[in-house]
């Protein structure tokens, strides 16, 4: 049973995303999906579905038109600062 003091996780829907980089478990590789809705609950991807008009209830809707979604993309790059002589 959830803790009554802790707020329920917010549900977010990224609607009409142009591209999604997803993991295809059967093929054991990444795949690209077009025109999708992505539902996120807390910090977990709850659902991926074809983009379509829908009533998402109290979910926070984010317009994904023209954007690509790369879940869990983390980029860490080393930075070299020029030394002064």
PDB file of N, CA and C in Angstrom:
ATOM      1  N   UNK A   1       0.836  -1.169   0.000  1.00  0.00           N
ATOM      2  CA  UNK A   1       0.000   0.000   0.000  1.00  0.00           C
ATOM      3  C   UNK A   1       0.888   1.242   0.000  1.00  0.00           C
ATOM      4  N   UNK A   2       0.605   2.228  -0.874  1.00  0.00           N
ATOM      5  CA  UNK A   2       1.441   3.419  -0.922  1.00  0.00           C
ATOM      6  C   UNK A   2       1.358   4.233   0.357  1.00  0.00           C
ATOM      7  N   UNK A   3       2.439   4.908   0.640  1.00  0.00           N
ATOM      8  CA  UNK A   3       2.505   5.771   1.810  1.00  0.00           C
ATOM      9  C   UNK A   3       1.594   6.977   1.580  1.00  0.00           C
ATOM     10  N   UNK A   4       0.609   7.240   2.473  1.00  0.00           N
ATOM     11  CA  UNK A   4      -0.332   8.347   2.253  1.00  0.00           C
ATOM     12  C   UNK A   4       0.333   9.721   2.312  1.00  0.00           C
ATOM     13  N   UNK A   5       1.519   9.806   2.914  1.00  0.00           N
ATOM     14  CA  UNK A   5       2.218  11.084   3.006  1.00  0.00           C
ATOM     15  C   UNK A   5       2.921  11.400   1.690  1.00  0.00           C
ATOM     16  N   UNK A   6       3.326  10.366   0.989  1.00  0.00           N
ATOM     17  CA  UNK A   6       4.046  10.543  -0.262  1.00  0.00           C
ATOM     18  C   UNK A   6       3.063  10.821  -1.397  1.00  0.00           C
ATOM     19  N   UNK A   7       3.279  11.880  -2.196  1.00  0.00           N
ATOM     20  CA  UNK A   7       2.354  12.166  -3.297  1.00  0.00           C
ATOM     21  C   UNK A   7       2.437  11.100  -4.379  1.00  0.00           C
ATOM     22  N   UNK A   8       1.336  10.877  -5.054  1.00  0.00           N
ATOM     23  CA  UNK A   8       1.313   9.913  -6.154  1.00  0.00           C
ATOM     24  C   UNK A   8       2.209  10.423  -7.273  1.00  0.00           C
ATOM     25  N   UNK A   9       2.887   9.506  -7.971  1.00  0.00           N
ATOM     26  CA  UNK A   9       3.749   9.948  -9.071  1.00  0.00           C
ATOM     27  C   UNK A   9       2.916  10.595 -10.170  1.00  0.00           C
ATOM     28  N   UNK A  10       3.461  11.659 -10.727  1.00  0.00           N
ATOM     29  CA  UNK A  10       2.762  12.330 -11.817  1.00  0.00           C
ATOM     30  C   UNK A  10       2.888  11.516 -13.085  1.00  0.00           C
ATOM     31  N   UNK A  11       1.811  11.476 -13.837  1.00  0.00           N
ATOM     32  CA  UNK A  11       1.820  10.797 -15.126  1.00  0.00           C
ATOM     33  C   UNK A  11       2.019  11.859 -16.190  1.00  0.00           C
ATOM     34  N   UNK A  12       2.978  11.629 -17.059  1.00  0.00           N
ATOM     35  CA  UNK A  12       3.257  12.543 -18.161  1.00  0.00           C
ATOM     36  C   UNK A  12       3.096  11.777 -19.464  1.00  0.00           C
ATOM     37  N   UNK A  13       2.566  12.448 -20.464  1.00  0.00           N
ATOM     38  CA  UNK A  13       2.424  11.856 -21.788  1.00  0.00           C
ATOM     39  C   UNK A  13       3.132  12.768 -22.780  1.00  0.00           C
ATOM     40  N   UNK A  14       4.119  12.238 -23.475  1.00  0.00           N
ATOM     41  CA  UNK A  14       4.716  12.970 -24.588  1.00  0.00           C
ATOM     42  C   UNK A  14       3.916  12.543 -25.807  1.00  0.00           C
ATOM     43  N   UNK A  15       3.147  13.480 -26.352  1.00  0.00           N
ATOM     44  CA  UNK A  15       2.207  13.181 -27.434  1.00  0.00           C
ATOM     45  C   UNK A  15       2.810  13.470 -28.800  1.00  0.00           C
ATOM     46  N   UNK A  16       2.526  12.601 -29.750  1.00  0.00           N
ATOM     47  CA  UNK A  16       2.867  12.812 -31.153  1.00  0.00           C
ATOM     48  C   UNK A  16       4.362  12.972 -31.409  1.00  0.00           C
ATOM     49  N   UNK A  17       5.201  12.253 -30.683  1.00  0.00           N
ATOM     50  CA  UNK A  17       6.642  12.357 -30.920  1.00  0.00           C
ATOM     51  C   UNK A  17       6.953  11.861 -32.328  1.00  0.00           C
ATOM     52  N   UNK A  18       7.777  12.608 -33.034  1.00  0.00           N
ATOM     53  CA  UNK A  18       8.112  12.240 -34.411  1.00  0.00           C
ATOM     54  C   UNK A  18       8.911  10.943 -34.452  1.00  0.00           C
ATOM     55  N   UNK A  19       9.863  10.792 -33.540  1.00  0.00           N
ATOM     56  CA  UNK A  19      10.725   9.600 -33.496  1.00  0.00           C
ATOM     57  C   UNK A  19      10.932   9.165 -32.051  1.00  0.00           C
ATOM     58  N   UNK A  20      11.111   7.867 -31.871  1.00  0.00           N
ATOM     59  CA  UNK A  20      11.466   7.299 -30.573  1.00  0.00           C
ATOM     60  C   UNK A  20      12.512   6.228 -30.813  1.00  0.00           C
ATOM     61  N   UNK A  21      13.623   6.316 -30.097  1.00  0.00           N
ATOM     62  CA  UNK A  21      14.614   5.249 -30.134  1.00  0.00           C
ATOM     63  C   UNK A  21      14.233   4.293 -29.009  1.00  0.00           C
ATOM     64  N   UNK A  22      13.893   3.069 -29.374  1.00  0.00           N
ATOM     65  CA  UNK A  22      13.414   2.081 -28.398  1.00  0.00           C
ATOM     66  C   UNK A  22      14.296   0.835 -28.443  1.00  0.00           C
ATOM     67  N   UNK A  23      14.103  -0.029 -27.481  1.00  0.00           N
ATOM     68  CA  UNK A  23      14.825  -1.297 -27.428  1.00  0.00           C
ATOM     69  C   UNK A  23      13.885  -2.406 -27.864  1.00  0.00           C
ATOM     70  N   UNK A  24      14.291  -3.156 -28.874  1.00  0.00           N
ATOM     71  CA  UNK A  24      13.522  -4.303 -29.352  1.00  0.00           C
ATOM     72  C   UNK A  24      14.084  -5.539 -28.667  1.00  0.00           C
ATOM     73  N   UNK A  25      13.363  -6.022 -27.667  1.00  0.00           N
ATOM     74  CA  UNK A  25      13.840  -7.158 -26.865  1.00  0.00           C
ATOM     75  C   UNK A  25      14.044  -8.405 -27.724  1.00  0.00           C
ATOM     76  N   UNK A  26      13.145  -8.669 -28.659  1.00  0.00           N
ATOM     77  CA  UNK A  26      13.246  -9.873 -29.499  1.00  0.00           C
ATOM     78  C   UNK A  26      14.487  -9.827 -30.387  1.00  0.00           C
ATOM     79  N   UNK A  27      14.778  -8.664 -30.957  1.00  0.00           N
ATOM     80  CA  UNK A  27      15.927  -8.538 -31.860  1.00  0.00           C
ATOM     81  C   UNK A  27      17.213  -8.201 -31.107  1.00  0.00           C
ATOM     82  N   UNK A  28      17.091  -7.877 -29.818  1.00  0.00           N
ATOM     83  CA  UNK A  28      18.230  -7.476 -28.996  1.00  0.00           C
ATOM     84  C   UNK A  28      19.005  -6.316 -29.625  1.00  0.00           C
ATOM     85  N   UNK A  29      18.250  -5.326 -30.099  1.00  0.00           N
ATOM     86  CA  UNK A  29      18.875  -4.145 -30.688  1.00  0.00           C
ATOM     87  C   UNK A  29      17.926  -2.955 -30.587  1.00  0.00           C
ATOM     88  N   UNK A  30      18.466  -1.795 -30.859  1.00  0.00           N
ATOM     89  CA  UNK A  30      17.637  -0.592 -30.871  1.00  0.00           C
ATOM     90  C   UNK A  30      16.800  -0.565 -32.142  1.00  0.00           C
ATOM     91  N   UNK A  31      15.677   0.093 -32.057  1.00  0.00           N
ATOM     92  CA  UNK A  31      14.825   0.276 -33.229  1.00  0.00           C
ATOM     93  C   UNK A  31      14.281   1.693 -33.180  1.00  0.00           C
ATOM     94  N   UNK A  32      13.769   2.138 -34.290  1.00  0.00           N
ATOM     95  CA  UNK A  32      13.226   3.486 -34.397  1.00  0.00           C
ATOM     96  C   UNK A  32      11.735   3.387 -34.646  1.00  0.00           C
ATOM     97  N   UNK A  33      10.971   4.119 -33.858  1.00  0.00           N
ATOM     98  CA  UNK A  33       9.509   4.126 -34.031  1.00  0.00           C
ATOM     99  C   UNK A  33       9.090   5.541 -34.368  1.00  0.00           C
ATOM    100  N   UNK A  34       8.118   5.667 -35.245  1.00  0.00           N
ATOM    101  CA  UNK A  34       7.638   6.970 -35.686  1.00  0.00           C
ATOM    102  C   UNK A  34       6.258   7.242 -35.130  1.00  0.00           C
ATOM    103  N   UNK A  35       5.985   8.526 -34.887  1.00  0.00           N
ATOM    104  CA  UNK A  35       4.651   8.997 -34.518  1.00  0.00           C
ATOM    105  C   UNK A  35       4.058   8.199 -33.356  1.00  0.00           C
ATOM    106  N   UNK A  36       4.628   8.406 -32.171  1.00  0.00           N
ATOM    107  CA  UNK A  36       4.199   7.665 -30.990  1.00  0.00           C
ATOM    108  C   UNK A  36       3.839   8.598 -29.835  1.00  0.00           C
ATOM    109  N   UNK A  37       3.088   8.048 -28.885  1.00  0.00           N
ATOM    110  CA  UNK A  37       2.844   8.674 -27.594  1.00  0.00           C
ATOM    111  C   UNK A  37       3.638   7.864 -26.569  1.00  0.00           C
ATOM    112  N   UNK A  38       4.280   8.546 -25.638  1.00  0.00           N
ATOM    113  CA  UNK A  38       5.070   7.886 -24.616  1.00  0.00           C
ATOM    114  C   UNK A  38       4.530   8.299 -23.257  1.00  0.00           C
ATOM    115  N   UNK A  39       4.078   7.326 -22.466  1.00  0.00           N
ATOM    116  CA  UNK A  39       3.540   7.597 -21.129  1.00  0.00           C
ATOM    117  C   UNK A  39       4.622   7.316 -20.090  1.00  0.00           C
ATOM    118  N   UNK A  40       4.794   8.257 -19.173  1.00  0.00           N
ATOM    119  CA  UNK A  40       5.800   8.138 -18.116  1.00  0.00           C
ATOM    120  C   UNK A  40       5.095   8.293 -16.776  1.00  0.00           C
ATOM    121  N   UNK A  41       5.334   7.345 -15.883  1.00  0.00           N
ATOM    122  CA  UNK A  41       4.798   7.420 -14.520  1.00  0.00           C
ATOM    123  C   UNK A  41       5.972   7.447 -13.561  1.00  0.00           C
ATOM    124  N   UNK A  42       6.097   8.542 -12.832  1.00  0.00           N
ATOM    125  CA  UNK A  42       7.266   8.698 -11.964  1.00  0.00           C
ATOM    126  C   UNK A  42       8.501   8.790 -12.829  1.00  0.00           C
ATOM    127  N   UNK A  43       9.423   7.847 -12.670  1.00  0.00           N
ATOM    128  CA  UNK A  43      10.620   7.823 -13.513  1.00  0.00           C
ATOM    129  C   UNK A  43      10.663   6.571 -14.389  1.00  0.00           C
ATOM    130  N   UNK A  44       9.480   6.001 -14.676  1.00  0.00           N
ATOM    131  CA  UNK A  44       9.381   4.767 -15.446  1.00  0.00           C
ATOM    132  C   UNK A  44       8.539   4.966 -16.702  1.00  0.00           C
ATOM    133  N   UNK A  45       8.997   4.403 -17.810  1.00  0.00           N
ATOM    134  CA  UNK A  45       8.189   4.415 -19.030  1.00  0.00           C
ATOM    135  C   UNK A  45       7.062   3.409 -18.822  1.00  0.00           C
ATOM    136  N   UNK A  46       5.826   3.901 -18.855  1.00  0.00           N
ATOM    137  CA  UNK A  46       4.665   3.055 -18.582  1.00  0.00           C
ATOM    138  C   UNK A  46       4.078   2.467 -19.858  1.00  0.00           C
ATOM    139  N   UNK A  47       4.149   3.198 -20.979  1.00  0.00           N
ATOM    140  CA  UNK A  47       3.544   2.704 -22.222  1.00  0.00           C
ATOM    141  C   UNK A  47       4.076   3.478 -23.416  1.00  0.00           C
ATOM    142  N   UNK A  48       4.129   2.786 -24.552  1.00  0.00           N
ATOM    143  CA  UNK A  48       4.433   3.393 -25.837  1.00  0.00           C
ATOM    144  C   UNK A  48       3.313   2.957 -26.763  1.00  0.00           C
ATOM    145  N   UNK A  49       2.673   3.917 -27.420  1.00  0.00           N
ATOM    146  CA  UNK A  49       1.556   3.578 -28.300  1.00  0.00           C
ATOM    147  C   UNK A  49       1.573   4.477 -29.528  1.00  0.00           C
ATOM    148  N   UNK A  50       0.888   4.061 -30.595  1.00  0.00           N
ATOM    149  CA  UNK A  50       0.788   4.933 -31.764  1.00  0.00           C
ATOM    150  C   UNK A  50       0.150   6.264 -31.362  1.00  0.00           C
ATOM    151  N   UNK A  51       0.642   7.341 -31.964  1.00  0.00           N
ATOM    152  CA  UNK A  51       0.088   8.671 -31.667  1.00  0.00           C
ATOM    153  C   UNK A  51      -1.363   8.727 -32.122  1.00  0.00           C
ATOM    154  N   UNK A  52      -2.208   9.235 -31.235  1.00  0.00           N
ATOM    155  CA  UNK A  52      -3.625   9.361 -31.572  1.00  0.00           C
ATOM    156  C   UNK A  52      -4.268  10.324 -30.585  1.00  0.00           C
ATOM    157  N   UNK A  53      -5.317  10.981 -31.017  1.00  0.00           N
ATOM    158  CA  UNK A  53      -6.026  11.843 -30.067  1.00  0.00           C
ATOM    159  C   UNK A  53      -6.632  10.976 -28.959  1.00  0.00           C
ATOM    160  N   UNK A  54      -6.434  11.387 -27.742  1.00  0.00           N
ATOM    161  CA  UNK A  54      -6.971  10.615 -26.617  1.00  0.00           C
ATOM    162  C   UNK A  54      -7.163  11.530 -25.421  1.00  0.00           C
ATOM    163  N   UNK A  55      -8.010  11.099 -24.523  1.00  0.00           N
ATOM    164  CA  UNK A  55      -8.191  11.811 -23.267  1.00  0.00           C
ATOM    165  C   UNK A  55      -7.221  11.199 -22.272  1.00  0.00           C
ATOM    166  N   UNK A  56      -6.227  11.963 -21.871  1.00  0.00           N
ATOM    167  CA  UNK A  56      -5.211  11.452 -20.959  1.00  0.00           C
ATOM    168  C   UNK A  56      -5.515  11.783 -19.508  1.00  0.00           C
ATOM    169  N   UNK A  57      -6.750  12.135 -19.244  1.00  0.00           N
ATOM    170  CA  UNK A  57      -7.160  12.408 -17.865  1.00  0.00           C
ATOM    171  C   UNK A  57      -6.370  13.536 -17.253  1.00  0.00           C
ATOM    172  N   UNK A  58      -5.810  13.293 -16.075  1.00  0.00           N
ATOM    173  CA  UNK A  58      -5.082  14.341 -15.373  1.00  0.00           C
ATOM    174  C   UNK A  58      -3.586  14.328 -15.679  1.00  0.00           C
ATOM    175  N   UNK A  59      -3.174  13.602 -16.717  1.00  0.00           N
ATOM    176  CA  UNK A  59      -1.757  13.535 -17.078  1.00  0.00           C
ATOM    177  C   UNK A  59      -1.273  14.877 -17.610  1.00  0.00           C
ATOM    178  N   UNK A  60      -0.019  15.153 -17.373  1.00  0.00           N
ATOM    179  CA  UNK A  60       0.623  16.334 -17.950  1.00  0.00           C
ATOM    180  C   UNK A  60       0.974  15.975 -19.384  1.00  0.00           C
ATOM    181  N   UNK A  61       0.477  16.761 -20.340  1.00  0.00           N
ATOM    182  CA  UNK A  61       0.730  16.488 -21.758  1.00  0.00           C
ATOM    183  C   UNK A  61       1.856  17.373 -22.270  1.00  0.00           C
ATOM    184  N   UNK A  62       2.797  16.754 -22.970  1.00  0.00           N
ATOM    185  CA  UNK A  62       3.928  17.458 -23.565  1.00  0.00           C
ATOM    186  C   UNK A  62       3.849  17.235 -25.068  1.00  0.00           C
ATOM    187  N   UNK A  63       3.883  18.314 -25.840  1.00  0.00           N
ATOM    188  CA  UNK A  63       3.791  18.215 -27.297  1.00  0.00           C
ATOM    189  C   UNK A  63       5.133  17.759 -27.850  1.00  0.00           C
ATOM    190  N   UNK A  64       5.169  16.563 -28.440  1.00  0.00           N
ATOM    191  CA  UNK A  64       6.402  16.003 -28.971  1.00  0.00           C
ATOM    192  C   UNK A  64       6.554  16.158 -30.476  1.00  0.00           C
ATOM    193  N   UNK A  65       5.632  16.882 -31.118  1.00  0.00           N
ATOM    194  CA  UNK A  65       5.716  17.030 -32.576  1.00  0.00           C
ATOM    195  C   UNK A  65       7.057  17.625 -32.988  1.00  0.00           C
ATOM    196  N   UNK A  66       7.695  16.959 -33.950  1.00  0.00           N
ATOM    197  CA  UNK A  66       8.968  17.444 -34.468  1.00  0.00           C
ATOM    198  C   UNK A  66      10.174  17.064 -33.627  1.00  0.00           C
ATOM    199  N   UNK A  67       9.972  16.300 -32.568  1.00  0.00           N
ATOM    200  CA  UNK A  67      11.066  15.932 -31.677  1.00  0.00           C
ATOM    201  C   UNK A  67      11.345  14.433 -31.714  1.00  0.00           C
ATOM    202  N   UNK A  68      12.588  14.077 -31.389  1.00  0.00           N
ATOM    203  CA  UNK A  68      12.988  12.683 -31.216  1.00  0.00           C
ATOM    204  C   UNK A  68      13.174  12.436 -29.724  1.00  0.00           C
ATOM    205  N   UNK A  69      12.757  11.264 -29.259  1.00  0.00           N
ATOM    206  CA  UNK A  69      12.885  10.898 -27.852  1.00  0.00           C
ATOM    207  C   UNK A  69      13.944   9.806 -27.752  1.00  0.00           C
ATOM    208  N   UNK A  70      14.903  10.027 -26.885  1.00  0.00           N
ATOM    209  CA  UNK A  70      15.957   9.054 -26.634  1.00  0.00           C
ATOM    210  C   UNK A  70      15.959   8.771 -25.140  1.00  0.00           C
ATOM    211  N   UNK A  71      15.107   7.849 -24.667  1.00  0.00           N
ATOM    212  CA  UNK A  71      15.020   7.588 -23.225  1.00  0.00           C
ATOM    213  C   UNK A  71      16.366   7.163 -22.640  1.00  0.00           C
ATOM    214  N   UNK A  72      16.656   7.688 -21.471  1.00  0.00           N
ATOM    215  CA  UNK A  72      17.850   7.342 -20.691  1.00  0.00           C
ATOM    216  C   UNK A  72      19.147   7.718 -21.378  1.00  0.00           C
ATOM    217  N   UNK A  73      19.108   8.665 -22.293  1.00  0.00           N
ATOM    218  CA  UNK A  73      20.340   9.109 -22.932  1.00  0.00           C
ATOM    219  C   UNK A  73      21.113   9.960 -21.941  1.00  0.00           C
ATOM    220  N   UNK A  74      22.327   9.567 -21.701  1.00  0.00           N
ATOM    221  CA  UNK A  74      23.185  10.309 -20.796  1.00  0.00           C
ATOM    222  C   UNK A  74      24.507  10.542 -21.511  1.00  0.00           C
ATOM    223  N   UNK A  75      24.908  11.786 -21.615  1.00  0.00           N
ATOM    224  CA  UNK A  75      26.148  12.112 -22.318  1.00  0.00           C
ATOM    225  C   UNK A  75      27.107  12.725 -21.325  1.00  0.00           C
ATOM    226  N   UNK A  76      28.288  12.154 -21.258  1.00  0.00           N
ATOM    227  CA  UNK A  76      29.326  12.678 -20.388  1.00  0.00           C
ATOM    228  C   UNK A  76      30.553  12.897 -21.256  1.00  0.00           C
ATOM    229  N   UNK A  77      30.988  14.120 -21.356  1.00  0.00           N
ATOM    230  CA  UNK A  77      32.141  14.410 -22.195  1.00  0.00           C
ATOM    231  C   UNK A  77      33.228  15.076 -21.362  1.00  0.00           C
ATOM    232  N   UNK A  78      34.472  14.664 -21.580  1.00  0.00           N
ATOM    233  CA  UNK A  78      35.554  15.341 -20.865  1.00  0.00           C
ATOM    234  C   UNK A  78      35.776  16.734 -21.456  1.00  0.00           C
ATOM    235  N   UNK A  79      36.127  17.656 -20.609  1.00  0.00           N
ATOM    236  CA  UNK A  79      36.353  19.024 -21.065  1.00  0.00           C
ATOM    237  C   UNK A  79      37.806  19.389 -20.742  1.00  0.00           C
ATOM    238  N   UNK A  80      38.496  19.893 -21.741  1.00  0.00           N
ATOM    239  CA  UNK A  80      39.854  20.363 -21.514  1.00  0.00           C
ATOM    240  C   UNK A  80      39.846  21.869 -21.575  1.00  0.00           C
ATOM    241  N   UNK A  81      40.249  22.455 -20.501  1.00  0.00           N
ATOM    242  CA  UNK A  81      40.350  23.897 -20.460  1.00  0.00           C
ATOM    243  C   UNK A  81      41.751  24.297 -20.920  1.00  0.00           C
ATOM    244  N   UNK A  82      41.838  25.322 -21.752  1.00  0.00           N
ATOM    245  CA  UNK A  82      43.180  25.728 -22.210  1.00  0.00           C
ATOM    246  C   UNK A  82      43.992  26.236 -21.033  1.00  0.00           C
ATOM    247  N   UNK A  83      45.256  25.853 -21.025  1.00  0.00           N
ATOM    248  CA  UNK A  83      46.125  26.350 -19.944  1.00  0.00           C
ATOM    249  C   UNK A  83      46.755  27.659 -20.419  1.00  0.00           C
ATOM    250  N   UNK A  84      46.998  28.508 -19.485  1.00  0.00           N
ATOM    251  CA  UNK A  84      47.629  29.809 -19.795  1.00  0.00           C
ATOM    252  C   UNK A  84      49.103  29.732 -19.426  1.00  0.00           C
ATOM    253  N   UNK A  85      49.930  30.092 -20.346  1.00  0.00           N
ATOM    254  CA  UNK A  85      51.376  30.061 -20.099  1.00  0.00           C
ATOM    255  C   UNK A  85      51.905  31.433 -19.809  1.00  0.00           C
TER     256      UNK A  85
END
